[in-house]
N, C-alpha and C. Protein backbone atom coordinates (compact mmCIF):
# COMPACT_ATOMS: atom_id res chain seq x y z
N MET A 1 -99.82 161.13 -100.67
CA MET A 1 -101.23 161.19 -100.31
C MET A 1 -102.00 161.92 -101.41
N LYS A 2 -103.08 161.33 -101.81
CA LYS A 2 -103.93 161.88 -102.85
C LYS A 2 -105.23 162.38 -102.22
N LYS A 3 -105.81 163.42 -102.81
CA LYS A 3 -107.12 163.90 -102.36
C LYS A 3 -108.20 163.25 -103.22
N TYR A 4 -109.19 162.71 -102.56
CA TYR A 4 -110.33 162.10 -103.23
C TYR A 4 -111.58 162.91 -102.93
N THR A 5 -112.42 163.09 -103.93
CA THR A 5 -113.70 163.76 -103.74
C THR A 5 -114.79 162.71 -103.83
N LEU A 6 -115.59 162.61 -102.76
CA LEU A 6 -116.68 161.65 -102.71
C LEU A 6 -118.00 162.39 -102.80
N ALA A 7 -118.89 161.89 -103.64
CA ALA A 7 -120.26 162.39 -103.70
C ALA A 7 -121.12 161.33 -103.03
N VAL A 8 -121.84 161.73 -101.99
CA VAL A 8 -122.62 160.78 -101.20
C VAL A 8 -124.06 161.27 -101.12
N LEU A 9 -124.98 160.44 -101.60
CA LEU A 9 -126.40 160.74 -101.46
C LEU A 9 -126.90 160.02 -100.22
N VAL A 10 -127.57 160.77 -99.35
CA VAL A 10 -128.08 160.22 -98.09
C VAL A 10 -129.52 160.65 -97.89
N GLU A 11 -130.21 159.90 -97.02
CA GLU A 11 -131.56 160.30 -96.64
C GLU A 11 -131.47 161.61 -95.86
N ASN A 12 -132.36 162.53 -96.16
CA ASN A 12 -132.36 163.84 -95.53
C ASN A 12 -133.10 163.76 -94.20
N LYS A 13 -132.38 163.29 -93.17
CA LYS A 13 -132.97 163.21 -91.84
C LYS A 13 -131.91 163.43 -90.78
N SER A 14 -132.35 163.73 -89.58
CA SER A 14 -131.41 164.06 -88.51
C SER A 14 -130.55 162.84 -88.14
N GLY A 15 -129.33 163.12 -87.76
CA GLY A 15 -128.41 162.09 -87.30
C GLY A 15 -127.50 161.52 -88.37
N VAL A 16 -127.82 161.74 -89.63
CA VAL A 16 -127.01 161.15 -90.71
C VAL A 16 -125.61 161.77 -90.74
N LEU A 17 -125.53 163.08 -90.59
CA LEU A 17 -124.22 163.74 -90.59
C LEU A 17 -123.36 163.23 -89.44
N ALA A 18 -123.95 163.02 -88.29
CA ALA A 18 -123.20 162.50 -87.14
C ALA A 18 -122.66 161.10 -87.42
N LYS A 19 -123.46 160.27 -88.10
CA LYS A 19 -123.00 158.92 -88.45
C LYS A 19 -121.80 158.99 -89.41
N VAL A 20 -121.89 159.89 -90.37
CA VAL A 20 -120.80 160.04 -91.34
C VAL A 20 -119.53 160.54 -90.65
N ALA A 21 -119.67 161.54 -89.81
CA ALA A 21 -118.51 162.07 -89.08
C ALA A 21 -117.91 160.98 -88.19
N GLY A 22 -118.76 160.19 -87.57
CA GLY A 22 -118.29 159.09 -86.73
C GLY A 22 -117.52 158.05 -87.51
N LEU A 23 -117.95 157.79 -88.73
CA LEU A 23 -117.25 156.84 -89.60
C LEU A 23 -115.79 157.27 -89.78
N PHE A 24 -115.57 158.55 -89.99
CA PHE A 24 -114.21 159.05 -90.20
C PHE A 24 -113.41 159.07 -88.90
N SER A 25 -114.02 159.55 -87.83
CA SER A 25 -113.27 159.68 -86.58
C SER A 25 -112.90 158.33 -85.98
N LYS A 26 -113.75 157.32 -86.10
CA LYS A 26 -113.45 155.99 -85.56
C LYS A 26 -112.21 155.38 -86.21
N ARG A 27 -112.00 155.72 -87.47
CA ARG A 27 -110.88 155.14 -88.20
C ARG A 27 -109.67 156.06 -88.28
N GLY A 28 -109.78 157.22 -87.67
CA GLY A 28 -108.66 158.16 -87.64
C GLY A 28 -108.43 158.88 -88.96
N TYR A 29 -109.44 158.92 -89.82
CA TYR A 29 -109.32 159.64 -91.09
C TYR A 29 -109.79 161.07 -90.89
N ASN A 30 -109.16 161.99 -91.58
CA ASN A 30 -109.53 163.40 -91.48
C ASN A 30 -110.35 163.80 -92.70
N ILE A 31 -111.36 164.61 -92.49
CA ILE A 31 -112.14 165.18 -93.59
C ILE A 31 -111.50 166.53 -93.93
N ASP A 32 -111.02 166.67 -95.15
CA ASP A 32 -110.44 167.95 -95.59
C ASP A 32 -111.52 168.98 -95.86
N SER A 33 -112.64 168.52 -96.41
CA SER A 33 -113.73 169.42 -96.77
C SER A 33 -115.03 168.63 -96.73
N LEU A 34 -116.08 169.29 -96.25
CA LEU A 34 -117.40 168.66 -96.18
C LEU A 34 -118.45 169.72 -96.47
N ALA A 35 -119.26 169.47 -97.47
CA ALA A 35 -120.38 170.37 -97.79
C ALA A 35 -121.63 169.50 -97.93
N VAL A 36 -122.71 169.93 -97.30
CA VAL A 36 -123.95 169.16 -97.29
C VAL A 36 -125.11 170.08 -97.64
N GLY A 37 -126.00 169.58 -98.46
CA GLY A 37 -127.20 170.33 -98.79
C GLY A 37 -128.25 169.44 -99.40
N VAL A 38 -129.48 169.89 -99.35
CA VAL A 38 -130.59 169.14 -99.93
C VAL A 38 -130.47 169.14 -101.44
N THR A 39 -130.93 168.08 -102.09
CA THR A 39 -130.87 167.96 -103.55
C THR A 39 -132.19 168.44 -104.15
N GLU A 40 -132.37 168.15 -105.43
CA GLU A 40 -133.63 168.48 -106.10
C GLU A 40 -134.79 167.70 -105.50
N ASP A 41 -134.50 166.61 -104.79
CA ASP A 41 -135.49 165.82 -104.06
C ASP A 41 -135.35 166.16 -102.58
N PRO A 42 -136.35 166.77 -101.96
CA PRO A 42 -136.22 167.19 -100.55
C PRO A 42 -136.01 166.03 -99.57
N GLU A 43 -136.20 164.81 -100.01
CA GLU A 43 -135.98 163.64 -99.15
C GLU A 43 -134.51 163.20 -99.14
N ILE A 44 -133.70 163.79 -100.04
CA ILE A 44 -132.31 163.35 -100.21
C ILE A 44 -131.37 164.54 -100.06
N SER A 45 -130.28 164.33 -99.32
CA SER A 45 -129.21 165.32 -99.21
C SER A 45 -127.98 164.80 -99.93
N ARG A 46 -127.17 165.74 -100.38
CA ARG A 46 -125.92 165.40 -101.06
C ARG A 46 -124.77 165.90 -100.23
N MET A 47 -123.83 165.02 -99.95
CA MET A 47 -122.60 165.39 -99.26
C MET A 47 -121.47 165.33 -100.26
N THR A 48 -120.66 166.37 -100.27
CA THR A 48 -119.43 166.36 -101.05
C THR A 48 -118.31 166.36 -100.01
N ILE A 49 -117.53 165.28 -100.00
CA ILE A 49 -116.51 165.10 -98.98
C ILE A 49 -115.16 164.94 -99.66
N VAL A 50 -114.17 165.70 -99.19
CA VAL A 50 -112.80 165.56 -99.68
C VAL A 50 -111.99 164.92 -98.56
N VAL A 51 -111.32 163.82 -98.89
CA VAL A 51 -110.52 163.08 -97.92
C VAL A 51 -109.16 162.77 -98.54
N GLN A 52 -108.12 162.80 -97.72
CA GLN A 52 -106.77 162.46 -98.18
C GLN A 52 -106.43 161.04 -97.80
N GLY A 53 -105.66 160.38 -98.65
CA GLY A 53 -105.21 159.04 -98.34
C GLY A 53 -104.75 158.34 -99.60
N ASP A 54 -104.55 157.04 -99.46
CA ASP A 54 -104.18 156.24 -100.62
C ASP A 54 -105.41 155.46 -101.09
N ASP A 55 -105.23 154.62 -102.09
CA ASP A 55 -106.36 153.86 -102.63
C ASP A 55 -107.00 152.95 -101.58
N GLN A 56 -106.19 152.44 -100.66
CA GLN A 56 -106.70 151.56 -99.61
C GLN A 56 -107.62 152.33 -98.66
N VAL A 57 -107.23 153.55 -98.31
CA VAL A 57 -108.07 154.38 -97.46
C VAL A 57 -109.40 154.66 -98.15
N LEU A 58 -109.34 155.02 -99.43
CA LEU A 58 -110.56 155.29 -100.19
C LEU A 58 -111.46 154.07 -100.21
N GLU A 59 -110.91 152.91 -100.48
CA GLU A 59 -111.70 151.68 -100.54
C GLU A 59 -112.37 151.41 -99.19
N GLN A 60 -111.64 151.59 -98.11
CA GLN A 60 -112.17 151.36 -96.77
C GLN A 60 -113.30 152.34 -96.45
N VAL A 61 -113.12 153.61 -96.80
CA VAL A 61 -114.15 154.62 -96.54
C VAL A 61 -115.42 154.28 -97.30
N ILE A 62 -115.29 153.91 -98.56
CA ILE A 62 -116.48 153.57 -99.37
C ILE A 62 -117.19 152.35 -98.79
N LYS A 63 -116.44 151.34 -98.37
CA LYS A 63 -117.06 150.15 -97.75
C LYS A 63 -117.82 150.53 -96.49
N GLN A 64 -117.25 151.41 -95.67
CA GLN A 64 -117.91 151.83 -94.44
C GLN A 64 -119.17 152.65 -94.74
N PHE A 65 -119.11 153.49 -95.76
CA PHE A 65 -120.30 154.26 -96.16
C PHE A 65 -121.44 153.32 -96.53
N ASN A 66 -121.11 152.29 -97.28
CA ASN A 66 -122.14 151.35 -97.74
C ASN A 66 -122.78 150.57 -96.60
N LYS A 67 -122.17 150.58 -95.42
CA LYS A 67 -122.76 149.91 -94.26
C LYS A 67 -123.77 150.80 -93.53
N ILE A 68 -123.73 152.10 -93.79
CA ILE A 68 -124.66 153.03 -93.14
C ILE A 68 -125.99 152.96 -93.87
N ILE A 69 -127.03 152.62 -93.15
CA ILE A 69 -128.35 152.38 -93.74
C ILE A 69 -128.92 153.62 -94.44
N ASP A 70 -128.56 154.81 -93.96
CA ASP A 70 -129.10 156.05 -94.53
C ASP A 70 -128.39 156.49 -95.80
N VAL A 71 -127.31 155.81 -96.17
CA VAL A 71 -126.57 156.15 -97.38
C VAL A 71 -127.23 155.47 -98.58
N ILE A 72 -127.58 156.27 -99.56
CA ILE A 72 -128.23 155.77 -100.77
C ILE A 72 -127.18 155.37 -101.80
N LYS A 73 -126.18 156.23 -101.99
CA LYS A 73 -125.14 155.97 -103.00
C LYS A 73 -123.89 156.76 -102.66
N VAL A 74 -122.74 156.15 -102.87
CA VAL A 74 -121.46 156.84 -102.67
C VAL A 74 -120.61 156.63 -103.92
N SER A 75 -119.99 157.70 -104.40
CA SER A 75 -119.17 157.64 -105.60
C SER A 75 -117.90 158.45 -105.42
N ASP A 76 -116.80 157.92 -105.90
CA ASP A 76 -115.55 158.67 -106.00
C ASP A 76 -115.61 159.39 -107.33
N ILE A 77 -115.59 160.70 -107.31
CA ILE A 77 -115.68 161.44 -108.57
C ILE A 77 -114.32 162.04 -108.93
N GLU A 78 -113.92 161.83 -110.14
CA GLU A 78 -112.63 162.31 -110.63
C GLU A 78 -112.71 163.78 -110.99
N GLU A 79 -111.65 164.51 -110.68
CA GLU A 79 -111.62 165.96 -110.94
C GLU A 79 -111.78 166.29 -112.43
N ASP A 80 -111.26 165.45 -113.30
CA ASP A 80 -111.31 165.73 -114.74
C ASP A 80 -112.75 165.74 -115.26
N ASP A 81 -113.62 164.99 -114.62
CA ASP A 81 -114.99 164.84 -115.10
C ASP A 81 -116.00 165.65 -114.30
N THR A 82 -115.55 166.65 -113.54
CA THR A 82 -116.47 167.37 -112.67
C THR A 82 -116.41 168.88 -112.88
N VAL A 83 -117.47 169.51 -112.43
CA VAL A 83 -117.50 170.96 -112.27
C VAL A 83 -117.41 171.18 -110.77
N GLU A 84 -116.39 171.90 -110.33
CA GLU A 84 -116.15 172.08 -108.90
C GLU A 84 -116.12 173.57 -108.57
N ARG A 85 -116.65 173.90 -107.41
CA ARG A 85 -116.61 175.27 -106.93
C ARG A 85 -116.50 175.28 -105.42
N GLU A 86 -115.99 176.40 -104.93
CA GLU A 86 -115.94 176.68 -103.52
C GLU A 86 -116.38 178.14 -103.38
N LEU A 87 -116.95 178.49 -102.25
CA LEU A 87 -117.38 179.86 -101.98
C LEU A 87 -116.64 180.35 -100.75
N ALA A 88 -116.19 181.59 -100.80
CA ALA A 88 -115.57 182.20 -99.63
C ALA A 88 -116.13 183.60 -99.43
N LEU A 89 -116.35 183.94 -98.19
CA LEU A 89 -116.67 185.32 -97.79
C LEU A 89 -115.46 185.80 -96.99
N ILE A 90 -114.89 186.92 -97.43
CA ILE A 90 -113.68 187.44 -96.80
C ILE A 90 -113.93 188.89 -96.39
N LYS A 91 -113.88 189.13 -95.08
CA LYS A 91 -114.04 190.49 -94.55
C LYS A 91 -112.65 191.09 -94.36
N VAL A 92 -112.40 192.20 -95.06
CA VAL A 92 -111.08 192.81 -95.11
C VAL A 92 -111.12 194.19 -94.47
N THR A 93 -110.09 194.51 -93.72
CA THR A 93 -109.96 195.86 -93.17
C THR A 93 -109.81 196.82 -94.34
N ALA A 94 -110.60 197.89 -94.33
CA ALA A 94 -110.55 198.85 -95.43
C ALA A 94 -110.82 200.26 -94.91
N ASP A 95 -110.01 201.19 -95.38
CA ASP A 95 -110.25 202.60 -95.10
C ASP A 95 -110.28 203.33 -96.44
N MET A 96 -110.40 204.61 -96.40
CA MET A 96 -110.51 205.38 -97.65
C MET A 96 -109.29 205.22 -98.56
N THR A 97 -108.13 204.96 -97.99
CA THR A 97 -106.91 204.85 -98.81
C THR A 97 -106.77 203.47 -99.45
N THR A 98 -107.40 202.45 -98.89
CA THR A 98 -107.23 201.09 -99.43
C THR A 98 -108.47 200.55 -100.13
N ARG A 99 -109.58 201.20 -99.94
CA ARG A 99 -110.86 200.71 -100.49
C ARG A 99 -110.81 200.47 -102.00
N ALA A 100 -110.29 201.39 -102.75
CA ALA A 100 -110.25 201.26 -104.22
C ALA A 100 -109.39 200.08 -104.65
N GLU A 101 -108.27 199.88 -103.99
CA GLU A 101 -107.39 198.76 -104.35
C GLU A 101 -108.05 197.41 -104.05
N ILE A 102 -108.76 197.33 -102.94
CA ILE A 102 -109.47 196.09 -102.59
C ILE A 102 -110.55 195.79 -103.62
N ILE A 103 -111.28 196.83 -104.02
CA ILE A 103 -112.32 196.67 -105.04
C ILE A 103 -111.71 196.23 -106.37
N GLN A 104 -110.56 196.79 -106.71
CA GLN A 104 -109.88 196.41 -107.95
C GLN A 104 -109.46 194.93 -107.91
N ILE A 105 -108.93 194.46 -106.80
CA ILE A 105 -108.56 193.04 -106.66
C ILE A 105 -109.80 192.17 -106.81
N ALA A 106 -110.90 192.57 -106.16
CA ALA A 106 -112.14 191.81 -106.27
C ALA A 106 -112.59 191.72 -107.73
N ASN A 107 -112.51 192.82 -108.45
CA ASN A 107 -112.91 192.83 -109.86
C ASN A 107 -112.05 191.91 -110.71
N ILE A 108 -110.76 191.89 -110.47
CA ILE A 108 -109.84 191.03 -111.22
C ILE A 108 -110.24 189.56 -111.05
N PHE A 109 -110.67 189.19 -109.84
CA PHE A 109 -111.04 187.80 -109.54
C PHE A 109 -112.52 187.52 -109.79
N ARG A 110 -113.22 188.47 -110.40
CA ARG A 110 -114.66 188.37 -110.64
C ARG A 110 -115.41 188.08 -109.34
N ALA A 111 -114.94 188.66 -108.27
CA ALA A 111 -115.59 188.55 -106.97
C ALA A 111 -116.58 189.69 -106.84
N ARG A 112 -117.44 189.59 -105.84
CA ARG A 112 -118.44 190.62 -105.61
C ARG A 112 -118.22 191.25 -104.24
N ILE A 113 -118.44 192.53 -104.18
CA ILE A 113 -118.46 193.22 -102.89
C ILE A 113 -119.89 193.05 -102.37
N VAL A 114 -120.03 192.38 -101.22
CA VAL A 114 -121.37 192.11 -100.70
C VAL A 114 -121.71 192.94 -99.47
N ASP A 115 -120.70 193.61 -98.89
CA ASP A 115 -120.97 194.49 -97.75
C ASP A 115 -119.85 195.51 -97.64
N VAL A 116 -120.24 196.73 -97.36
CA VAL A 116 -119.27 197.79 -97.12
C VAL A 116 -119.64 198.43 -95.79
N ALA A 117 -118.68 198.46 -94.88
CA ALA A 117 -118.87 199.11 -93.59
C ALA A 117 -117.82 200.21 -93.47
N ARG A 118 -117.87 200.93 -92.39
CA ARG A 118 -116.95 202.07 -92.22
C ARG A 118 -115.48 201.64 -92.30
N ASN A 119 -115.15 200.50 -91.69
CA ASN A 119 -113.75 200.06 -91.63
C ASN A 119 -113.50 198.70 -92.27
N SER A 120 -114.45 198.24 -93.09
CA SER A 120 -114.24 196.93 -93.72
C SER A 120 -115.05 196.79 -95.01
N ILE A 121 -114.61 195.83 -95.81
CA ILE A 121 -115.33 195.42 -97.02
C ILE A 121 -115.41 193.90 -96.97
N THR A 122 -116.57 193.35 -97.31
CA THR A 122 -116.72 191.90 -97.39
C THR A 122 -116.83 191.51 -98.86
N VAL A 123 -115.97 190.58 -99.24
CA VAL A 123 -115.86 190.11 -100.62
C VAL A 123 -116.40 188.68 -100.69
N GLU A 124 -117.19 188.42 -101.72
CA GLU A 124 -117.68 187.06 -102.00
C GLU A 124 -116.98 186.57 -103.25
N VAL A 125 -116.33 185.41 -103.18
CA VAL A 125 -115.63 184.87 -104.34
C VAL A 125 -115.96 183.39 -104.47
N THR A 126 -116.18 182.96 -105.72
CA THR A 126 -116.40 181.54 -106.01
C THR A 126 -115.37 181.10 -107.03
N GLY A 127 -115.01 179.82 -106.94
CA GLY A 127 -114.05 179.26 -107.88
C GLY A 127 -113.42 178.02 -107.30
N ASP A 128 -112.35 177.58 -107.93
CA ASP A 128 -111.66 176.41 -107.40
C ASP A 128 -110.77 176.82 -106.24
N GLU A 129 -110.19 175.83 -105.57
CA GLU A 129 -109.40 176.08 -104.37
C GLU A 129 -108.25 177.05 -104.64
N SER A 130 -107.60 176.93 -105.79
CA SER A 130 -106.44 177.79 -106.07
C SER A 130 -106.86 179.25 -106.26
N LYS A 131 -108.03 179.49 -106.84
CA LYS A 131 -108.52 180.86 -107.00
C LYS A 131 -108.81 181.48 -105.63
N ILE A 132 -109.44 180.71 -104.76
CA ILE A 132 -109.76 181.21 -103.41
C ILE A 132 -108.46 181.53 -102.67
N GLN A 133 -107.49 180.66 -102.77
CA GLN A 133 -106.20 180.88 -102.10
C GLN A 133 -105.49 182.10 -102.66
N ALA A 134 -105.57 182.31 -103.96
CA ALA A 134 -104.89 183.44 -104.59
C ALA A 134 -105.47 184.78 -104.13
N ILE A 135 -106.80 184.91 -104.12
CA ILE A 135 -107.38 186.18 -103.67
C ILE A 135 -107.15 186.38 -102.18
N GLU A 136 -107.22 185.29 -101.42
CA GLU A 136 -106.95 185.39 -99.98
C GLU A 136 -105.53 185.93 -99.74
N LYS A 137 -104.58 185.40 -100.48
CA LYS A 137 -103.18 185.84 -100.34
C LYS A 137 -103.04 187.34 -100.63
N LEU A 138 -103.70 187.82 -101.68
CA LEU A 138 -103.62 189.24 -102.03
C LEU A 138 -104.32 190.13 -101.00
N LEU A 139 -105.42 189.64 -100.43
CA LEU A 139 -106.17 190.45 -99.47
C LEU A 139 -105.53 190.47 -98.09
N ARG A 140 -104.66 189.52 -97.80
CA ARG A 140 -104.00 189.47 -96.48
C ARG A 140 -103.22 190.74 -96.16
N GLN A 141 -102.66 191.39 -97.18
CA GLN A 141 -101.89 192.61 -96.95
C GLN A 141 -102.72 193.73 -96.32
N PHE A 142 -104.04 193.66 -96.49
CA PHE A 142 -104.91 194.69 -95.93
C PHE A 142 -105.40 194.31 -94.53
N GLY A 143 -105.28 193.05 -94.20
CA GLY A 143 -105.75 192.55 -92.91
C GLY A 143 -107.10 191.88 -93.05
N ILE A 144 -107.10 190.57 -93.00
CA ILE A 144 -108.36 189.82 -93.05
C ILE A 144 -108.92 189.76 -91.64
N LYS A 145 -110.11 190.33 -91.46
CA LYS A 145 -110.77 190.34 -90.16
C LYS A 145 -111.46 189.02 -89.88
N GLU A 146 -112.05 188.45 -90.94
CA GLU A 146 -112.84 187.23 -90.78
C GLU A 146 -112.97 186.57 -92.14
N MET A 147 -113.05 185.23 -92.14
CA MET A 147 -113.23 184.51 -93.40
C MET A 147 -114.03 183.25 -93.16
N ALA A 148 -114.91 182.91 -94.10
CA ALA A 148 -115.67 181.66 -94.05
C ALA A 148 -115.62 181.05 -95.44
N ARG A 149 -115.35 179.72 -95.48
CA ARG A 149 -115.30 178.99 -96.75
C ARG A 149 -116.25 177.81 -96.69
N THR A 150 -116.85 177.50 -97.83
CA THR A 150 -117.82 176.41 -97.88
C THR A 150 -117.16 175.04 -97.96
N GLY A 151 -115.99 174.95 -98.52
CA GLY A 151 -115.46 173.65 -98.91
C GLY A 151 -115.95 173.36 -100.32
N LYS A 152 -115.39 172.34 -100.91
CA LYS A 152 -115.69 172.03 -102.31
C LYS A 152 -117.08 171.42 -102.45
N ILE A 153 -117.78 171.86 -103.51
CA ILE A 153 -118.96 171.17 -103.99
C ILE A 153 -118.66 170.79 -105.44
N ALA A 154 -119.21 169.69 -105.88
CA ALA A 154 -118.88 169.21 -107.22
C ALA A 154 -120.04 168.42 -107.82
N LEU A 155 -120.15 168.51 -109.13
CA LEU A 155 -121.09 167.70 -109.91
C LEU A 155 -120.33 167.08 -111.06
N VAL A 156 -120.71 165.86 -111.41
CA VAL A 156 -120.12 165.19 -112.57
C VAL A 156 -120.67 165.86 -113.81
N ARG A 157 -119.80 166.09 -114.79
CA ARG A 157 -120.23 166.70 -116.06
C ARG A 157 -121.14 165.74 -116.83
N GLY A 158 -121.98 166.30 -117.68
CA GLY A 158 -122.82 165.47 -118.54
C GLY A 158 -124.04 164.91 -117.84
N PRO A 159 -124.47 163.73 -118.27
CA PRO A 159 -125.69 163.14 -117.69
C PRO A 159 -125.56 162.92 -116.19
N LYS A 160 -126.70 162.98 -115.50
CA LYS A 160 -126.71 162.81 -114.04
C LYS A 160 -126.15 161.43 -113.66
N LYS A 161 -125.14 161.45 -112.77
CA LYS A 161 -124.54 160.20 -112.30
C LYS A 161 -124.72 160.07 -110.81
N VAL A 162 -124.48 161.13 -110.06
CA VAL A 162 -124.65 161.14 -108.60
C VAL A 162 -125.26 162.46 -108.20
């Protein structure tokens, strides 16, 4: 099974996300990652969707996308030609004895401390999936209280394509 990253431009209106989710659920396909946001044009939203499957699954998904009237353009973007990032907020249990070590780990990963409370520190980290997984693994020893991840967002390098 291969992971495919799809860049989908859609009309920025209510109900479009539900149509897209329905497309996947009707066919029994799972979405590994989904990130949606408005583009430089407020009338258009961009979805970055990661889906697992073979070439046949990818072809079927793209055909189904093209049937949705609100879809403007769908593209399979190759990892080699993209800039990809993910964002994670990780709230870690921290006391006076562990605080310095957590801050040191955050610095090594070029992460930022975005909140400090009496018994916790919240770390913000951006990067590819492996970087997020690596810092998460190191912070687990302190006790992760809560974590939120955006999923992958990606842009094609060079001239605007999608």
